[in-house]
Structure formats: C-alpha cells, structure tokens
C-alpha atoms as a PDB file:
ATOM      1  CA  UNK A   1       0.000   0.000   0.000  1.00  0.00           C
ATOM      2  CA  UNK A   2       1.249   3.449  -0.890  1.00  0.00           C
ATOM      3  CA  UNK A   3       1.994   5.934   1.856  1.00  0.00           C
ATOM      4  CA  UNK A   4      -0.474   8.734   2.470  1.00  0.00           C
ATOM      5  CA  UNK A   5       2.248  11.272   1.592  1.00  0.00           C
ATOM      6  CA  UNK A   6       2.850   9.616  -1.793  1.00  0.00           C
ATOM      7  CA  UNK A   7      -0.876   9.570  -2.511  1.00  0.00           C
ATOM      8  CA  UNK A   8      -1.259  13.227  -1.520  1.00  0.00           C
ATOM      9  CA  UNK A   9       1.624  14.247  -3.764  1.00  0.00           C
ATOM     10  CA  UNK A  10      -0.060  12.588  -6.758  1.00  0.00           C
ATOM     11  CA  UNK A  11      -3.544  13.797  -5.768  1.00  0.00           C
ATOM     12  CA  UNK A  12      -2.462  17.452  -5.670  1.00  0.00           C
ATOM     13  CA  UNK A  13      -1.448  17.322  -9.342  1.00  0.00           C
ATOM     14  CA  UNK A  14      -4.800  15.910 -10.432  1.00  0.00           C
ATOM     15  CA  UNK A  15      -8.190  17.506 -10.934  1.00  0.00           C
ATOM     16  CA  UNK A  16     -11.813  16.368 -11.041  1.00  0.00           C
ATOM     17  CA  UNK A  17     -12.282  13.014 -12.744  1.00  0.00           C
ATOM     18  CA  UNK A  18      -8.577  12.211 -12.476  1.00  0.00           C
ATOM     19  CA  UNK A  19      -8.920  12.313  -8.691  1.00  0.00           C
ATOM     20  CA  UNK A  20     -11.860   9.896  -8.897  1.00  0.00           C
ATOM     21  CA  UNK A  21      -9.742   7.563 -11.026  1.00  0.00           C
ATOM     22  CA  UNK A  22      -6.930   7.713  -8.453  1.00  0.00           C
ATOM     23  CA  UNK A  23      -9.357   6.773  -5.665  1.00  0.00           C
ATOM     24  CA  UNK A  24     -10.699   3.859  -7.716  1.00  0.00           C
ATOM     25  CA  UNK A  25      -7.125   2.725  -8.381  1.00  0.00           C
ATOM     26  CA  UNK A  26      -6.335   2.855  -4.650  1.00  0.00           C
ATOM     27  CA  UNK A  27      -9.351   0.681  -3.943  1.00  0.00           C
ATOM     28  CA  UNK A  28      -8.143  -1.903  -6.445  1.00  0.00           C
ATOM     29  CA  UNK A  29      -4.785  -2.024  -4.652  1.00  0.00           C
ATOM     30  CA  UNK A  30      -6.331  -3.180  -1.366  1.00  0.00           C
ATOM     31  CA  UNK A  31      -5.633  -6.750  -0.291  1.00  0.00           C
ATOM     32  CA  UNK A  32      -8.512  -9.055  -1.160  1.00  0.00           C
ATOM     33  CA  UNK A  33     -10.966  -9.456   1.692  1.00  0.00           C
ATOM     34  CA  UNK A  34     -12.508 -12.930   1.825  1.00  0.00           C
ATOM     35  CA  UNK A  35     -16.309 -12.924   1.599  1.00  0.00           C
ATOM     36  CA  UNK A  36     -16.441 -14.858   4.887  1.00  0.00           C
ATOM     37  CA  UNK A  37     -15.148 -11.732   6.671  1.00  0.00           C
ATOM     38  CA  UNK A  38     -17.861  -9.503   5.205  1.00  0.00           C
ATOM     39  CA  UNK A  39     -20.264  -9.870   8.080  1.00  0.00           C
ATOM     40  CA  UNK A  40     -22.494  -7.620  10.135  1.00  0.00           C
ATOM     41  CA  UNK A  41     -19.715  -7.461  12.744  1.00  0.00           C
ATOM     42  CA  UNK A  42     -17.196  -6.016  10.258  1.00  0.00           C
ATOM     43  CA  UNK A  43     -19.624  -3.682   8.490  1.00  0.00           C
ATOM     44  CA  UNK A  44     -19.093   0.064   8.942  1.00  0.00           C
ATOM     45  CA  UNK A  45     -22.332   1.774   9.914  1.00  0.00           C
ATOM     46  CA  UNK A  46     -23.486   5.032   8.352  1.00  0.00           C
ATOM     47  CA  UNK A  47     -21.986   4.557   4.898  1.00  0.00           C
ATOM     48  CA  UNK A  48     -24.165   4.951   1.823  1.00  0.00           C
ATOM     49  CA  UNK A  49     -22.382   1.945   0.280  1.00  0.00           C
ATOM     50  CA  UNK A  50     -21.574  -1.297   2.068  1.00  0.00           C
ATOM     51  CA  UNK A  51     -18.139  -1.114   3.694  1.00  0.00           C
ATOM     52  CA  UNK A  52     -16.359  -3.784   5.703  1.00  0.00           C
ATOM     53  CA  UNK A  53     -13.145  -3.397   7.714  1.00  0.00           C
ATOM     54  CA  UNK A  54     -11.398  -6.315   9.413  1.00  0.00           C
ATOM     55  CA  UNK A  55      -8.269  -5.926  11.559  1.00  0.00           C
ATOM     56  CA  UNK A  56      -5.425  -8.410  11.740  1.00  0.00           C
ATOM     57  CA  UNK A  57      -2.285  -8.160  13.827  1.00  0.00           C
ATOM     58  CA  UNK A  58       1.153  -9.157  12.614  1.00  0.00           C
ATOM     59  CA  UNK A  59       3.677 -10.944  14.783  1.00  0.00           C
ATOM     60  CA  UNK A  60       5.449  -7.609  15.225  1.00  0.00           C
ATOM     61  CA  UNK A  61       2.313  -6.125  16.802  1.00  0.00           C
ATOM     62  CA  UNK A  62       1.355  -4.036  13.821  1.00  0.00           C
ATOM     63  CA  UNK A  63      -2.227  -3.734  12.649  1.00  0.00           C
ATOM     64  CA  UNK A  64      -3.076  -4.664   9.090  1.00  0.00           C
ATOM     65  CA  UNK A  65      -6.615  -3.967   7.941  1.00  0.00           C
ATOM     66  CA  UNK A  66      -8.514  -5.809   5.264  1.00  0.00           C
ATOM     67  CA  UNK A  67     -11.318  -3.776   3.746  1.00  0.00           C
ATOM     68  CA  UNK A  68     -13.816  -3.825   0.926  1.00  0.00           C
ATOM     69  CA  UNK A  69     -16.837  -1.988  -0.405  1.00  0.00           C
ATOM     70  CA  UNK A  70     -19.465  -2.676  -3.016  1.00  0.00           C
ATOM     71  CA  UNK A  71     -18.796   0.763  -4.570  1.00  0.00           C
ATOM     72  CA  UNK A  72     -15.507   1.523  -6.344  1.00  0.00           C
ATOM     73  CA  UNK A  73     -15.158   5.138  -5.162  1.00  0.00           C
ATOM     74  CA  UNK A  74     -16.032   4.197  -1.581  1.00  0.00           C
ATOM     75  CA  UNK A  75     -13.491   1.377  -1.672  1.00  0.00           C
ATOM     76  CA  UNK A  76     -10.918   3.956  -2.732  1.00  0.00           C
ATOM     77  CA  UNK A  77     -11.894   6.223   0.156  1.00  0.00           C
ATOM     78  CA  UNK A  78     -11.436   3.295   2.544  1.00  0.00           C
ATOM     79  CA  UNK A  79      -8.008   2.660   1.014  1.00  0.00           C
ATOM     80  CA  UNK A  80      -7.124   6.321   1.502  1.00  0.00           C
ATOM     81  CA  UNK A  81      -8.200   6.202   5.160  1.00  0.00           C
ATOM     82  CA  UNK A  82      -6.245   2.995   5.753  1.00  0.00           C
ATOM     83  CA  UNK A  83      -3.098   4.384   4.126  1.00  0.00           C
ATOM     84  CA  UNK A  84      -2.822   6.752   7.100  1.00  0.00           C
ATOM     85  CA  UNK A  85      -2.445   3.846   9.552  1.00  0.00           C
ATOM     86  CA  UNK A  86      -1.806   0.585   7.708  1.00  0.00           C
ATOM     87  CA  UNK A  87       0.871  -1.688   9.199  1.00  0.00           C
ATOM     88  CA  UNK A  88       1.538   0.533  12.202  1.00  0.00           C
ATOM     89  CA  UNK A  89       1.595  -0.447  15.894  1.00  0.00           C
ATOM     90  CA  UNK A  90      -1.857  -0.514  17.512  1.00  0.00           C
ATOM     91  CA  UNK A  91      -0.939   2.222  20.003  1.00  0.00           C
ATOM     92  CA  UNK A  92       0.154   4.524  17.178  1.00  0.00           C
ATOM     93  CA  UNK A  93      -3.025   3.816  15.173  1.00  0.00           C
ATOM     94  CA  UNK A  94      -5.214   4.544  18.203  1.00  0.00           C
ATOM     95  CA  UNK A  95      -3.479   7.882  18.743  1.00  0.00           C
ATOM     96  CA  UNK A  96      -3.377   8.984  15.091  1.00  0.00           C
ATOM     97  CA  UNK A  97      -5.660  11.851  14.154  1.00  0.00           C
ATOM     98  CA  UNK A  98      -6.702  10.251  10.876  1.00  0.00           C
ATOM     99  CA  UNK A  99      -9.153  13.041  10.008  1.00  0.00           C
ATOM    100  CA  UNK A 100      -6.369  15.619  10.284  1.00  0.00           C
ATOM    101  CA  UNK A 101      -4.108  13.507   8.083  1.00  0.00           C
ATOM    102  CA  UNK A 102      -6.866  13.413   5.450  1.00  0.00           C
ATOM    103  CA  UNK A 103      -7.558  17.177   5.507  1.00  0.00           C
ATOM    104  CA  UNK A 104      -5.203  17.977   2.579  1.00  0.00           C
ATOM    105  CA  UNK A 105      -7.460  15.844   0.363  1.00  0.00           C
ATOM    106  CA  UNK A 106     -10.458  18.090   1.104  1.00  0.00           C
ATOM    107  CA  UNK A 107     -12.801  15.140   0.556  1.00  0.00           C
ATOM    108  CA  UNK A 108     -15.908  17.036   1.662  1.00  0.00           C
ATOM    109  CA  UNK A 109     -15.500  19.471  -1.229  1.00  0.00           C
ATOM    110  CA  UNK A 110     -14.159  16.937  -3.727  1.00  0.00           C
ATOM    111  CA  UNK A 111     -16.846  14.286  -3.296  1.00  0.00           C
ATOM    112  CA  UNK A 112     -20.581  14.217  -2.698  1.00  0.00           C
ATOM    113  CA  UNK A 113     -21.819  14.115   0.886  1.00  0.00           C
ATOM    114  CA  UNK A 114     -23.127  10.589   0.236  1.00  0.00           C
ATOM    115  CA  UNK A 115     -19.584   9.467  -0.502  1.00  0.00           C
ATOM    116  CA  UNK A 116     -18.043  11.053   2.593  1.00  0.00           C
ATOM    117  CA  UNK A 117     -20.760  10.610   5.207  1.00  0.00           C
ATOM    118  CA  UNK A 118     -19.333   7.320   6.461  1.00  0.00           C
ATOM    119  CA  UNK A 119     -15.705   8.470   6.736  1.00  0.00           C
ATOM    120  CA  UNK A 120     -15.991   9.518  10.425  1.00  0.00           C
ATOM    121  CA  UNK A 121     -17.489   6.099  11.200  1.00  0.00           C
ATOM    122  CA  UNK A 122     -14.634   4.336   9.375  1.00  0.00           C
ATOM    123  CA  UNK A 123     -12.118   6.371  11.341  1.00  0.00           C
ATOM    124  CA  UNK A 124     -13.888   5.709  14.649  1.00  0.00           C
ATOM    125  CA  UNK A 125     -14.014   1.966  13.974  1.00  0.00           C
ATOM    126  CA  UNK A 126     -10.317   1.831  13.082  1.00  0.00           C
ATOM    127  CA  UNK A 127      -9.232   3.847  16.132  1.00  0.00           C
ATOM    128  CA  UNK A 128     -11.499   1.926  18.533  1.00  0.00           C
ATOM    129  CA  UNK A 129     -10.213  -1.378  17.179  1.00  0.00           C
ATOM    130  CA  UNK A 130      -6.629  -0.202  17.555  1.00  0.00           C
ATOM    131  CA  UNK A 131      -7.292   0.915  21.135  1.00  0.00           C
ATOM    132  CA  UNK A 132      -8.627  -2.573  21.964  1.00  0.00           C
ATOM    133  CA  UNK A 133      -5.538  -4.207  20.475  1.00  0.00           C
ATOM    134  CA  UNK A 134      -3.255  -1.747  22.266  1.00  0.00           C
ATOM    135  CA  UNK A 135      -4.888  -2.524  25.621  1.00  0.00           C
ATOM    136  CA  UNK A 136      -4.162  -6.264  25.284  1.00  0.00           C
END
C-alpha cells in the first residue's frame, strides 16, 4: 500500500475526474478481503455503500486492515483512510488523528456528501479497534 504522503503528492497534481480515477485505483490495490469476513460485525455503519473493515495483527504487533466496499469510489476512500495507519503499531493507530491527516485531500468538497458521510465512522471503527488491540 502506498503511503499517504505519496498519494497526496499525486492527488495534488490531479483535478476532477482524475482524482476519482486515483481513488478507484487505490481501492483496487487493497488486499482481497474474503467474503467470509464480510459480516455484520465487520460492516461500517453510516456509509451509503456497504463497507467492511477487518483488523489483523502481525507478529510484530502491527495492525493490518482488510477492507472492501461494493462501490468503487467508496473502496478507494477506505483505502485512503487505511493508508494513514496501515501496518503501524496498535498504540500509534489509536493515537493517530486520521481526520487531520486526510484534511489535505479536502474530501468534503471533492466528493458528494453521500460518498463522505461514512468516513468519520470508518475512522472511529479503526481507532477503537486499535485501542482494543493496544490494551491487550
């Protein structure tokens, strides 16, 4: 997965539809999420599209999230959110202000409100999950 800084650098040079294409491309780069993990327990509430996020922990104590969506743009947004925290220690993920890291992308003004309404819920789920792992 690309770093958030690398994505932002590319994003800043793009406009309109090119930014949509970049988000779709990011979504395609996510690790495949097995259908068996797409359950009510892994579903993100409040999204206009179906979104699932499933945490795994590596032997080194880093969190790696699997995610998917039934909408290409939304899947790209999930990938963008995850790029801020993917493969980082649980404590660091729990403490990361993901929303602040995403501010340079100005998603609220770039995308429709339907596309961005679930982003705070994605962020909350990721941070809460990380806090649980960190407490173990």
